[in-house]
């Protein structure tokens, strides 16, 4: 198998009560795994099988004939990025350089949180809310379905999955409550800082 399901960076019940073990059992163990398995089937025996996940995403992003490959590859990457962007007892206002950068870009953490929640809750249907680096500046954006900032010349720093399966078992139709809880209790700001340092 060219592409693998990476292990979660914490125990399956580590994000409770915001994200239950049952949600992770389905979201990671079934949804994410299915994207990996499907991507391997679609690329088996093709030159794409020898490429990195990011290379596959960028090479198939604007090719309608490879939309299914793109969707599965991007969802594999998006989910791995999402898991790493969370940690037990995370969230809240960041300190240090990332805190200063958020203050500079958004006029304070509270404005950032409001803008991020707005992006996440106004993404119609399935998709993602992102904190990205664009031309050296922090920016909030949102994308539909599997689309991610890797194909728009932005550097992803943090994402929140707003597909219904990300929150429905725990929050039902209350997407705003899920996003608020994500920001207050789950965000791994160390991961965000690492992504800025690598940019």
Protein backbone atom coordinates (compact mmCIF):
# COMPACT_ATOMS: atom_id res chain seq x y z
CA UNK A 1 0.00 0.00 0.00
CA UNK A 2 1.45 3.34 -1.05
CA UNK A 3 -0.64 5.43 1.35
CA UNK A 4 -1.26 4.57 4.98
CA UNK A 5 -3.62 5.63 7.75
CA UNK A 6 -1.37 7.40 10.25
CA UNK A 7 -1.96 6.71 13.94
CA UNK A 8 -3.88 9.23 15.98
CA UNK A 9 -1.58 11.46 18.08
CA UNK A 10 -3.62 10.63 21.21
CA UNK A 11 -5.94 7.95 22.59
CA UNK A 12 -9.34 7.63 20.96
CA UNK A 13 -11.11 8.93 24.08
CA UNK A 14 -8.57 11.72 24.80
CA UNK A 15 -10.67 14.55 23.36
CA UNK A 16 -13.80 13.84 25.39
CA UNK A 17 -16.20 15.37 26.17
CA UNK A 18 -15.90 17.68 23.14
CA UNK A 19 -15.18 14.84 20.73
CA UNK A 20 -16.31 11.43 21.94
CA UNK A 21 -14.50 8.14 21.45
CA UNK A 22 -17.50 7.02 19.38
CA UNK A 23 -17.09 10.00 17.03
CA UNK A 24 -13.40 9.18 16.57
CA UNK A 25 -14.22 5.50 16.12
CA UNK A 26 -16.37 6.40 13.12
CA UNK A 27 -14.62 9.54 11.88
CA UNK A 28 -11.05 8.25 12.08
CA UNK A 29 -11.62 4.49 12.04
CA UNK A 30 -14.13 4.43 9.20
CA UNK A 31 -14.29 7.72 7.25
CA UNK A 32 -10.55 8.49 7.25
CA UNK A 33 -9.62 4.83 6.70
CA UNK A 34 -12.01 4.59 3.74
CA UNK A 35 -10.37 7.60 2.09
CA UNK A 36 -6.96 5.90 2.47
CA UNK A 37 -8.21 2.56 1.16
CA UNK A 38 -9.99 4.18 -1.80
CA UNK A 39 -6.96 6.28 -2.69
CA UNK A 40 -4.79 3.17 -2.76
CA UNK A 41 -7.25 1.39 -5.07
CA UNK A 42 -7.48 4.40 -7.40
CA UNK A 43 -3.71 4.88 -7.69
CA UNK A 44 -2.57 1.25 -7.63
CA UNK A 45 -0.39 0.53 -10.65
CA UNK A 46 -0.24 4.19 -11.71
CA UNK A 47 2.65 6.69 -11.45
CA UNK A 48 0.71 8.48 -8.68
CA UNK A 49 1.26 5.54 -6.35
CA UNK A 50 4.95 6.46 -6.13
CA UNK A 51 4.30 10.12 -5.31
CA UNK A 52 3.79 11.84 -1.96
CA UNK A 53 0.29 12.65 -0.81
CA UNK A 54 0.85 16.38 -1.35
CA UNK A 55 2.17 15.74 -4.87
CA UNK A 56 -0.94 13.70 -5.67
CA UNK A 57 -3.19 16.48 -4.36
CA UNK A 58 -1.45 19.19 -6.38
CA UNK A 59 -1.24 17.13 -9.59
CA UNK A 60 -4.91 16.14 -9.57
CA UNK A 61 -6.50 19.33 -8.19
CA UNK A 62 -7.31 20.95 -11.54
CA UNK A 63 -7.85 17.79 -13.57
CA UNK A 64 -11.56 16.98 -13.72
CA UNK A 65 -10.79 13.48 -14.97
CA UNK A 66 -8.96 12.81 -11.68
CA UNK A 67 -11.48 14.47 -9.35
CA UNK A 68 -12.14 11.23 -7.45
CA UNK A 69 -8.43 10.75 -6.81
CA UNK A 70 -8.11 14.38 -5.69
CA UNK A 71 -11.09 14.14 -3.35
CA UNK A 72 -9.78 11.04 -1.61
CA UNK A 73 -6.15 12.23 -1.46
CA UNK A 74 -7.12 15.64 -0.10
CA UNK A 75 -9.42 14.10 2.48
CA UNK A 76 -6.62 11.80 3.68
CA UNK A 77 -4.35 14.83 4.12
CA UNK A 78 -7.06 17.10 5.57
CA UNK A 79 -8.03 14.60 8.24
CA UNK A 80 -4.45 13.89 9.29
CA UNK A 81 -3.89 17.64 9.57
CA UNK A 82 -7.13 18.03 11.56
CA UNK A 83 -6.16 15.33 14.10
CA UNK A 84 -2.77 16.91 14.66
CA UNK A 85 -4.32 20.34 15.14
CA UNK A 86 -6.06 19.13 18.30
CA UNK A 87 -4.87 17.94 21.70
CA UNK A 88 -6.42 17.12 25.06
CA UNK A 89 -6.90 20.24 27.20
CA UNK A 90 -5.99 22.45 24.28
CA UNK A 91 -7.65 25.56 22.93
CA UNK A 92 -8.08 29.01 24.37
CA UNK A 93 -6.00 32.08 23.76
CA UNK A 94 -2.46 31.29 22.56
CA UNK A 95 0.62 32.95 24.00
CA UNK A 96 4.04 33.77 22.60
CA UNK A 97 4.68 34.46 18.94
CA UNK A 98 1.44 32.91 17.65
CA UNK A 99 -0.58 34.98 20.15
CA UNK A 100 1.19 38.14 19.03
CA UNK A 101 0.62 37.31 15.37
CA UNK A 102 -3.08 36.71 15.95
CA UNK A 103 -3.35 40.02 17.79
CA UNK A 104 -1.61 41.78 14.92
CA UNK A 105 -3.63 40.10 12.15
CA UNK A 106 -7.09 40.17 13.71
CA UNK A 107 -6.95 42.84 16.39
CA UNK A 108 -7.06 40.32 19.22
CA UNK A 109 -7.93 36.69 19.97
CA UNK A 110 -11.64 37.37 20.45
CA UNK A 111 -11.93 38.81 16.93
CA UNK A 112 -9.98 35.84 15.55
CA UNK A 113 -12.32 33.41 17.33
CA UNK A 114 -15.40 35.24 16.03
CA UNK A 115 -14.08 35.31 12.46
CA UNK A 116 -13.04 31.64 12.57
CA UNK A 117 -16.43 30.59 13.92
CA UNK A 118 -18.14 32.65 11.22
CA UNK A 119 -16.11 30.96 8.49
CA UNK A 120 -16.85 27.51 9.93
CA UNK A 121 -20.56 28.05 10.43
CA UNK A 122 -21.21 29.80 7.11
CA UNK A 123 -19.49 27.11 5.03
CA UNK A 124 -22.57 25.80 3.24
CA UNK A 125 -22.74 22.02 3.35
CA UNK A 126 -19.57 20.02 3.89
CA UNK A 127 -16.14 21.56 4.13
CA UNK A 128 -13.42 23.06 6.29
CA UNK A 129 -12.49 26.30 8.07
CA UNK A 130 -8.79 27.20 8.01
CA UNK A 131 -6.23 29.48 9.55
CA UNK A 132 -3.61 29.98 6.84
CA UNK A 133 -0.50 31.95 6.07
CA UNK A 134 -0.76 33.93 2.84
CA UNK A 135 2.09 36.19 1.70
CA UNK A 136 3.39 36.22 5.26
CA UNK A 137 0.08 37.22 6.87
CA UNK A 138 -2.45 35.21 8.87
CA UNK A 139 -5.82 34.81 7.22
CA UNK A 140 -9.02 32.83 7.82
CA UNK A 141 -10.60 31.01 4.93
CA UNK A 142 -13.05 28.21 4.24
CA UNK A 143 -13.22 25.53 1.56
CA UNK A 144 -15.94 23.20 0.31
CA UNK A 145 -15.81 19.41 0.35
CA UNK A 146 -12.19 18.18 0.04
CA UNK A 147 -10.57 21.41 -1.17
CA UNK A 148 -7.67 22.62 0.95
CA UNK A 149 -5.16 25.53 0.95
CA UNK A 150 -2.45 23.33 -0.58
CA UNK A 151 -3.95 24.11 -3.98
CA UNK A 152 -4.41 27.87 -3.45
CA UNK A 153 -0.81 28.87 -2.64
CA UNK A 154 -1.60 29.26 1.06
CA UNK A 155 0.14 27.54 3.96
CA UNK A 156 -2.37 25.73 6.20
CA UNK A 157 -1.82 26.28 9.92
CA UNK A 158 -5.03 24.95 11.51
CA UNK A 159 -8.31 23.48 10.34
CA UNK A 160 -11.72 22.58 11.70
CA UNK A 161 -13.70 19.89 9.93
CA UNK A 162 -17.31 20.98 9.46
CA UNK A 163 -18.57 17.92 7.62
CA UNK A 164 -21.55 16.70 9.64
CA UNK A 165 -19.86 13.44 10.57
CA UNK A 166 -17.24 15.47 12.48
CA UNK A 167 -19.72 16.59 15.10
CA UNK A 168 -23.17 15.06 14.64
CA UNK A 169 -22.89 12.28 17.22
CA UNK A 170 -21.83 14.79 19.89
CA UNK A 171 -23.54 18.04 18.87
CA UNK A 172 -26.28 16.93 16.45
CA UNK A 173 -27.15 19.96 14.28
CA UNK A 174 -25.37 22.48 16.54
CA UNK A 175 -22.36 23.23 14.38
CA UNK A 176 -21.71 26.62 16.09
CA UNK A 177 -21.43 24.89 19.48
CA UNK A 178 -18.98 22.37 18.06
CA UNK A 179 -16.76 25.05 16.53
CA UNK A 180 -16.82 27.10 19.74
CA UNK A 181 -15.85 24.03 21.78
CA UNK A 182 -13.11 23.19 19.27
CA UNK A 183 -11.56 26.64 19.74
CA UNK A 184 -11.98 26.70 23.51
CA UNK A 185 -10.90 23.14 24.33
CA UNK A 186 -9.08 21.35 21.51
CA UNK A 187 -6.81 23.58 19.39
CA UNK A 188 -3.16 22.52 19.51
CA UNK A 189 -1.41 25.90 19.30
CA UNK A 190 2.00 24.18 19.39
CA UNK A 191 1.08 22.54 16.08
CA UNK A 192 0.10 25.92 14.63
CA UNK A 193 3.42 27.40 15.75
CA UNK A 194 5.32 24.50 14.15
CA UNK A 195 3.52 25.07 10.86
CA UNK A 196 4.43 28.77 10.92
CA UNK A 197 8.07 27.91 11.67
CA UNK A 198 8.19 25.53 8.68
CA UNK A 199 6.56 27.99 6.27
